PDB file of N, CA and C in Angstrom:
ATOM      1  N   MET A   1       1.026  -0.992  -0.180  1.00  0.00           N
ATOM      2  CA  MET A   1       0.018  -0.040   0.108  1.00  0.00           C
ATOM      3  C   MET A   1       1.050   1.087  -0.210  1.00  0.00           C
ATOM      4  N   THR A   2       0.384   1.950  -1.032  1.00  0.00           N
ATOM      5  CA  THR A   2       1.361   3.637  -0.625  1.00  0.00           C
ATOM      6  C   THR A   2       0.407   4.050  -0.578  1.00  0.00           C
ATOM      7  N   THR A   3       0.986   5.311   0.317  1.00  0.00           N
ATOM      8  CA  THR A   3       0.481   6.454   1.229  1.00  0.00           C
ATOM      9  C   THR A   3       1.258   7.651   0.343  1.00  0.00           C
ATOM     10  N   THR A   4       0.179   8.854   0.050  1.00  0.00           N
ATOM     11  CA  THR A   4       0.723   9.948  -0.784  1.00  0.00           C
ATOM     12  C   THR A   4       0.611  10.711   0.565  1.00  0.00           C
ATOM     13  N   ILE A   5       1.622  11.725   0.320  1.00  0.00           N
ATOM     14  CA  ILE A   5       1.911  12.526   1.540  1.00  0.00           C
ATOM     15  C   ILE A   5       1.985  14.119   0.866  1.00  0.00           C
ATOM     16  N   ASN A   6       1.166  15.014   1.836  1.00  0.00           N
ATOM     17  CA  ASN A   6       1.019  16.429   1.257  1.00  0.00           C
ATOM     18  C   ASN A   6       1.863  16.883   1.700  1.00  0.00           C
ATOM     19  N   PRO A   7       2.849  17.641   1.875  1.00  0.00           N
ATOM     20  CA  PRO A   7       3.547  19.196   2.523  1.00  0.00           C
ATOM     21  C   PRO A   7       2.847  19.937   2.948  1.00  0.00           C
ATOM     22  N   CYS A   8       1.551  20.138   2.040  1.00  0.00           N
ATOM     23  CA  CYS A   8       0.748  21.199   2.833  1.00  0.00           C
ATOM     24  C   CYS A   8      -0.291  20.852   3.802  1.00  0.00           C
ATOM     25  N   ASP A   9      -0.437  19.996   4.108  1.00  0.00           N
ATOM     26  CA  ASP A   9      -1.556  19.563   4.723  1.00  0.00           C
ATOM     27  C   ASP A   9      -1.327  18.928   5.398  1.00  0.00           C
ATOM     28  N   GLY A  10      -1.061  19.065   7.187  1.00  0.00           N
ATOM     29  CA  GLY A  10      -0.459  18.147   7.964  1.00  0.00           C
ATOM     30  C   GLY A  10       0.448  17.007   7.976  1.00  0.00           C
ATOM     31  N   MET A  11       1.537  17.240   7.344  1.00  0.00           N
ATOM     32  CA  MET A  11       2.003  16.330   7.435  1.00  0.00           C
ATOM     33  C   MET A  11       3.187  16.070   8.888  1.00  0.00           C
ATOM     34  N   THR A  12       3.547  15.061   9.565  1.00  0.00           N
ATOM     35  CA  THR A  12       4.273  14.653  10.089  1.00  0.00           C
ATOM     36  C   THR A  12       5.713  14.620   9.719  1.00  0.00           C
ATOM     37  N   ARG A  13       6.718  14.460  11.054  1.00  0.00           N
ATOM     38  CA  ARG A  13       8.022  14.734  10.631  1.00  0.00           C
ATOM     39  C   ARG A  13       8.471  12.821   9.824  1.00  0.00           C
ATOM     40  N   ASN A  14       8.175  12.023   9.582  1.00  0.00           N
ATOM     41  CA  ASN A  14       8.091  11.147   9.732  1.00  0.00           C
ATOM     42  C   ASN A  14       7.509  11.136   7.787  1.00  0.00           C
ATOM     43  N   GLY A  15       6.961  11.614   7.975  1.00  0.00           N
ATOM     44  CA  GLY A  15       6.503  12.199   6.290  1.00  0.00           C
ATOM     45  C   GLY A  15       7.558  13.310   5.761  1.00  0.00           C
ATOM     46  N   PHE A  16       7.775  14.153   6.459  1.00  0.00           N
ATOM     47  CA  PHE A  16       9.138  14.887   5.788  1.00  0.00           C
ATOM     48  C   PHE A  16      10.336  14.314   5.545  1.00  0.00           C
ATOM     49  N   MET A  17      10.291  13.413   6.648  1.00  0.00           N
ATOM     50  CA  MET A  17      11.415  12.681   5.996  1.00  0.00           C
ATOM     51  C   MET A  17      11.236  12.077   4.955  1.00  0.00           C
ATOM     52  N   ILE A  18      10.371  11.491   4.840  1.00  0.00           N
ATOM     53  CA  ILE A  18       9.969  10.353   3.168  1.00  0.00           C
ATOM     54  C   ILE A  18      10.287  11.139   1.937  1.00  0.00           C
ATOM     55  N   LEU A  19       9.693  12.441   2.525  1.00  0.00           N
ATOM     56  CA  LEU A  19       9.675  13.393   1.323  1.00  0.00           C
ATOM     57  C   LEU A  19      11.215  14.147   1.011  1.00  0.00           C
ATOM     58  N   LEU A  20      11.513  14.139   1.643  1.00  0.00           N
ATOM     59  CA  LEU A  20      13.222  14.778   2.017  1.00  0.00           C
ATOM     60  C   LEU A  20      14.097  13.220   0.608  1.00  0.00           C
ATOM     61  N   GLU A  21      13.763  12.144   1.690  1.00  0.00           N
ATOM     62  CA  GLU A  21      14.625  10.634   0.681  1.00  0.00           C
ATOM     63  C   GLU A  21      14.321  10.905  -0.627  1.00  0.00           C
ATOM     64  N   GLN A  22      12.590  10.885  -0.827  1.00  0.00           N
ATOM     65  CA  GLN A  22      12.200  10.908  -2.295  1.00  0.00           C
ATOM     66  C   GLN A  22      13.284  11.624  -2.699  1.00  0.00           C
ATOM     67  N   ASN A  23      13.193  13.043  -2.556  1.00  0.00           N
ATOM     68  CA  ASN A  23      14.101  14.275  -3.557  1.00  0.00           C
ATOM     69  C   ASN A  23      15.688  14.216  -2.942  1.00  0.00           C
ATOM     70  N   GLY A  24      15.776  13.166  -2.287  1.00  0.00           N
ATOM     71  CA  GLY A  24      17.456  13.233  -2.665  1.00  0.00           C
ATOM     72  C   GLY A  24      18.415  13.716  -1.131  1.00  0.00           C
ATOM     73  N   ILE A  25      17.668  13.996  -0.597  1.00  0.00           N
ATOM     74  CA  ILE A  25      18.283  14.764   0.983  1.00  0.00           C
ATOM     75  C   ILE A  25      17.968  13.684   1.922  1.00  0.00           C
ATOM     76  N   SER A  26      19.429  13.035   2.440  1.00  0.00           N
ATOM     77  CA  SER A  26      19.084  12.420   3.605  1.00  0.00           C
ATOM     78  C   SER A  26      19.951  12.650   4.502  1.00  0.00           C
ATOM     79  N   LEU A  27      18.485  12.580   5.553  1.00  0.00           N
ATOM     80  CA  LEU A  27      18.509  13.055   7.027  1.00  0.00           C
ATOM     81  C   LEU A  27      18.503  12.142   7.752  1.00  0.00           C
ATOM     82  N   ASP A  28      18.995  11.058   8.316  1.00  0.00           N
ATOM     83  CA  ASP A  28      19.060   9.978   9.363  1.00  0.00           C
ATOM     84  C   ASP A  28      18.411  10.490  10.701  1.00  0.00           C
ATOM     85  N   GLU A  29      17.747   9.315  11.389  1.00  0.00           N
ATOM     86  CA  GLU A  29      17.775   9.993  12.974  1.00  0.00           C
ATOM     87  C   GLU A  29      18.796  10.568  13.439  1.00  0.00           C
ATOM     88  N   SER A  30      20.020   9.657  13.219  1.00  0.00           N
ATOM     89  CA  SER A  30      21.214  10.654  13.978  1.00  0.00           C
ATOM     90  C   SER A  30      21.166  11.942  13.979  1.00  0.00           C
ATOM     91  N   ARG A  31      20.551  12.459  12.557  1.00  0.00           N
ATOM     92  CA  ARG A  31      21.073  14.482  12.610  1.00  0.00           C
ATOM     93  C   ARG A  31      19.685  14.922  13.387  1.00  0.00           C
ATOM     94  N   MET A  32      18.400  14.245  13.531  1.00  0.00           N
ATOM     95  CA  MET A  32      17.194  14.433  14.162  1.00  0.00           C
ATOM     96  C   MET A  32      16.688  16.283  14.348  1.00  0.00           C
ATOM     97  N   HIS A  33      18.364  16.483  14.753  1.00  0.00           N
ATOM     98  CA  HIS A  33      17.907  18.376  15.448  1.00  0.00           C
ATOM     99  C   HIS A  33      17.775  18.851  13.862  1.00  0.00           C
ATOM    100  N   GLU A  34      18.568  18.601  12.644  1.00  0.00           N
ATOM    101  CA  GLU A  34      18.635  19.235  11.729  1.00  0.00           C
ATOM    102  C   GLU A  34      16.642  19.120  10.977  1.00  0.00           C
ATOM    103  N   VAL A  35      16.280  17.391  11.669  1.00  0.00           N
ATOM    104  CA  VAL A  35      15.602  17.297  11.085  1.00  0.00           C
ATOM    105  C   VAL A  35      14.010  18.017  11.358  1.00  0.00           C
ATOM    106  N   ASN A  36      14.247  18.432  12.368  1.00  0.00           N
ATOM    107  CA  ASN A  36      12.642  19.198  13.919  1.00  0.00           C
ATOM    108  C   ASN A  36      13.133  20.624  13.173  1.00  0.00           C
ATOM    109  N   TYR A  37      14.497  21.351  12.456  1.00  0.00           N
ATOM    110  CA  TYR A  37      14.721  22.315  12.128  1.00  0.00           C
ATOM    111  C   TYR A  37      14.297  22.673  11.031  1.00  0.00           C
ATOM    112  N   TYR A  38      14.530  22.228  10.104  1.00  0.00           N
ATOM    113  CA  TYR A  38      13.580  21.887   8.309  1.00  0.00           C
ATOM    114  C   TYR A  38      12.195  21.861   8.551  1.00  0.00           C
ATOM    115  N   PHE A  39      11.571  21.335   9.452  1.00  0.00           N
ATOM    116  CA  PHE A  39      10.308  20.505   9.582  1.00  0.00           C
ATOM    117  C   PHE A  39       9.844  21.874   9.889  1.00  0.00           C
ATOM    118  N   ASN A  40       9.539  22.328  11.179  1.00  0.00           N
ATOM    119  CA  ASN A  40       9.766  23.587  11.869  1.00  0.00           C
ATOM    120  C   ASN A  40       9.627  24.500  11.041  1.00  0.00           C
ATOM    121  N   LEU A  41      10.697  25.284  10.186  1.00  0.00           N
ATOM    122  CA  LEU A  41      10.705  25.818   9.707  1.00  0.00           C
ATOM    123  C   LEU A  41       9.717  25.913   8.170  1.00  0.00           C
ATOM    124  N   TRP A  42       9.423  24.554   7.920  1.00  0.00           N
ATOM    125  CA  TRP A  42       8.891  24.334   6.647  1.00  0.00           C
ATOM    126  C   TRP A  42       6.721  24.958   7.175  1.00  0.00           C
ATOM    127  N   HIS A  43       7.082  24.650   8.376  1.00  0.00           N
ATOM    128  CA  HIS A  43       5.624  25.019   9.187  1.00  0.00           C
ATOM    129  C   HIS A  43       5.552  26.742   8.928  1.00  0.00           C
ATOM    130  N   GLU A  44       6.435  27.413   9.148  1.00  0.00           N
ATOM    131  CA  GLU A  44       6.877  28.809  10.011  1.00  0.00           C
ATOM    132  C   GLU A  44       6.436  29.266   8.753  1.00  0.00           C
ATOM    133  N   THR A  45       6.821  29.036   7.431  1.00  0.00           N
ATOM    134  CA  THR A  45       7.335  29.371   6.031  1.00  0.00           C
ATOM    135  C   THR A  45       5.510  29.255   5.731  1.00  0.00           C
ATOM    136  N   MET A  46       4.400  28.541   5.804  1.00  0.00           N
ATOM    137  CA  MET A  46       3.586  27.974   5.267  1.00  0.00           C
ATOM    138  C   MET A  46       2.720  28.997   6.103  1.00  0.00           C
ATOM    139  N   LYS A  47       3.078  29.371   7.613  1.00  0.00           N
ATOM    140  CA  LYS A  47       2.710  29.604   8.119  1.00  0.00           C
ATOM    141  C   LYS A  47       2.105  31.794   7.347  1.00  0.00           C
ATOM    142  N   GLN A  48       3.812  32.109   7.405  1.00  0.00           N
ATOM    143  CA  GLN A  48       4.126  33.343   6.773  1.00  0.00           C
ATOM    144  C   GLN A  48       3.229  33.432   5.298  1.00  0.00           C
ATOM    145  N   ASN A  49       3.262  32.617   4.309  1.00  0.00           N
ATOM    146  CA  ASN A  49       2.643  31.928   3.182  1.00  0.00           C
ATOM    147  C   ASN A  49       0.846  32.438   3.136  1.00  0.00           C
ATOM    148  N   ARG A  50       0.087  31.758   4.328  1.00  0.00           N
ATOM    149  CA  ARG A  50      -0.852  32.298   4.516  1.00  0.00           C
ATOM    150  C   ARG A  50      -1.242  33.437   4.709  1.00  0.00           C
ATOM    151  N   LYS A  51      -0.503  34.308   5.422  1.00  0.00           N
ATOM    152  CA  LYS A  51      -0.800  35.939   5.947  1.00  0.00           C
ATOM    153  C   LYS A  51      -0.803  36.348   4.661  1.00  0.00           C
ATOM    154  N   CYS A  52       0.306  36.041   4.002  1.00  0.00           N
ATOM    155  CA  CYS A  52       0.687  37.105   2.809  1.00  0.00           C
ATOM    156  C   CYS A  52      -0.024  36.576   1.972  1.00  0.00           C
ATOM    157  N   GLY A  53      -1.034  35.331   1.504  1.00  0.00           N
ATOM    158  CA  GLY A  53      -1.774  35.068   0.698  1.00  0.00           C
ATOM    159  C   GLY A  53      -1.121  34.199  -0.789  1.00  0.00           C
ATOM    160  N   GLN A  54       0.443  34.301  -0.109  1.00  0.00           N
ATOM    161  CA  GLN A  54       0.682  33.023  -1.151  1.00  0.00           C
ATOM    162  C   GLN A  54       0.670  31.938  -1.552  1.00  0.00           C
ATOM    163  N   ALA A  55       0.804  30.803  -2.149  1.00  0.00           N
ATOM    164  CA  ALA A  55       0.813  29.610  -2.254  1.00  0.00           C
ATOM    165  C   ALA A  55       1.934  28.703  -1.671  1.00  0.00           C
ATOM    166  N   TYR A  56       2.175  27.931  -1.038  1.00  0.00           N
ATOM    167  CA  TYR A  56       2.769  26.910  -0.711  1.00  0.00           C
ATOM    168  C   TYR A  56       3.896  26.521  -1.800  1.00  0.00           C
ATOM    169  N   ASP A  57       5.304  26.333  -1.734  1.00  0.00           N
ATOM    170  CA  ASP A  57       5.838  25.531  -2.539  1.00  0.00           C
ATOM    171  C   ASP A  57       6.606  25.259  -2.132  1.00  0.00           C
ATOM    172  N   PHE A  58       6.646  23.606  -1.759  1.00  0.00           N
ATOM    173  CA  PHE A  58       7.360  22.578  -1.116  1.00  0.00           C
ATOM    174  C   PHE A  58       8.287  22.469  -2.550  1.00  0.00           C
ATOM    175  N   ASP A  59       8.437  22.153  -3.624  1.00  0.00           N
ATOM    176  CA  ASP A  59       9.854  21.898  -4.726  1.00  0.00           C
ATOM    177  C   ASP A  59      10.445  22.965  -3.986  1.00  0.00           C
ATOM    178  N   ALA A  60      10.280  24.752  -4.219  1.00  0.00           N
ATOM    179  CA  ALA A  60      11.049  25.670  -3.916  1.00  0.00           C
ATOM    180  C   ALA A  60      11.751  26.012  -2.545  1.00  0.00           C
ATOM    181  N   TYR A  61      11.073  25.046  -1.664  1.00  0.00           N
ATOM    182  CA  TYR A  61      11.473  25.166  -0.714  1.00  0.00           C
ATOM    183  C   TYR A  61      13.072  23.856  -0.608  1.00  0.00           C
ATOM    184  N   ILE A  62      12.410  22.596  -1.223  1.00  0.00           N
ATOM    185  CA  ILE A  62      13.310  21.172  -1.155  1.00  0.00           C
ATOM    186  C   ILE A  62      14.527  21.868  -1.958  1.00  0.00           C
ATOM    187  N   VAL A  63      14.797  22.779  -3.448  1.00  0.00           N
ATOM    188  CA  VAL A  63      15.709  23.223  -3.998  1.00  0.00           C
ATOM    189  C   VAL A  63      16.522  24.173  -3.053  1.00  0.00           C
ATOM    190  N   TRP A  64      15.705  24.968  -2.436  1.00  0.00           N
ATOM    191  CA  TRP A  64      16.450  25.890  -0.863  1.00  0.00           C
ATOM    192  C   TRP A  64      17.153  25.013  -0.479  1.00  0.00           C
ATOM    193  N   MET A  65      16.498  24.030   0.500  1.00  0.00           N
ATOM    194  CA  MET A  65      17.052  23.075   1.078  1.00  0.00           C
ATOM    195  C   MET A  65      18.427  22.458   0.724  1.00  0.00           C
ATOM    196  N   LYS A  66      18.657  21.961  -0.728  1.00  0.00           N
ATOM    197  CA  LYS A  66      19.956  21.192  -1.155  1.00  0.00           C
ATOM    198  C   LYS A  66      20.985  22.267  -0.966  1.00  0.00           C
ATOM    199  N   LYS A  67      20.795  23.567  -1.573  1.00  0.00           N
ATOM    200  CA  LYS A  67      21.954  24.688  -1.267  1.00  0.00           C
ATOM    201  C   LYS A  67      22.492  25.085   0.104  1.00  0.00           C
ATOM    202  N   GLN A  68      21.715  24.591   0.992  1.00  0.00           N
ATOM    203  CA  GLN A  68      22.121  24.919   2.407  1.00  0.00           C
ATOM    204  C   GLN A  68      23.263  23.806   2.467  1.00  0.00           C
TER     205      GLN A  68
END
């Protein structure tokens, strides 16, 4: 059974890690502080986008993460 993860609709940390791996970013549980940082930053980004009326862009977020 395949589960679809929507990054813009109540994604869990585990779902976030799965999406990162699918996009070529490897953050294992030994680096959980980084996972938490980027997971929380994504949620803050969505909150700011709602305030500004902008659409969510997880693909752009992934591109930005790869540059870090």
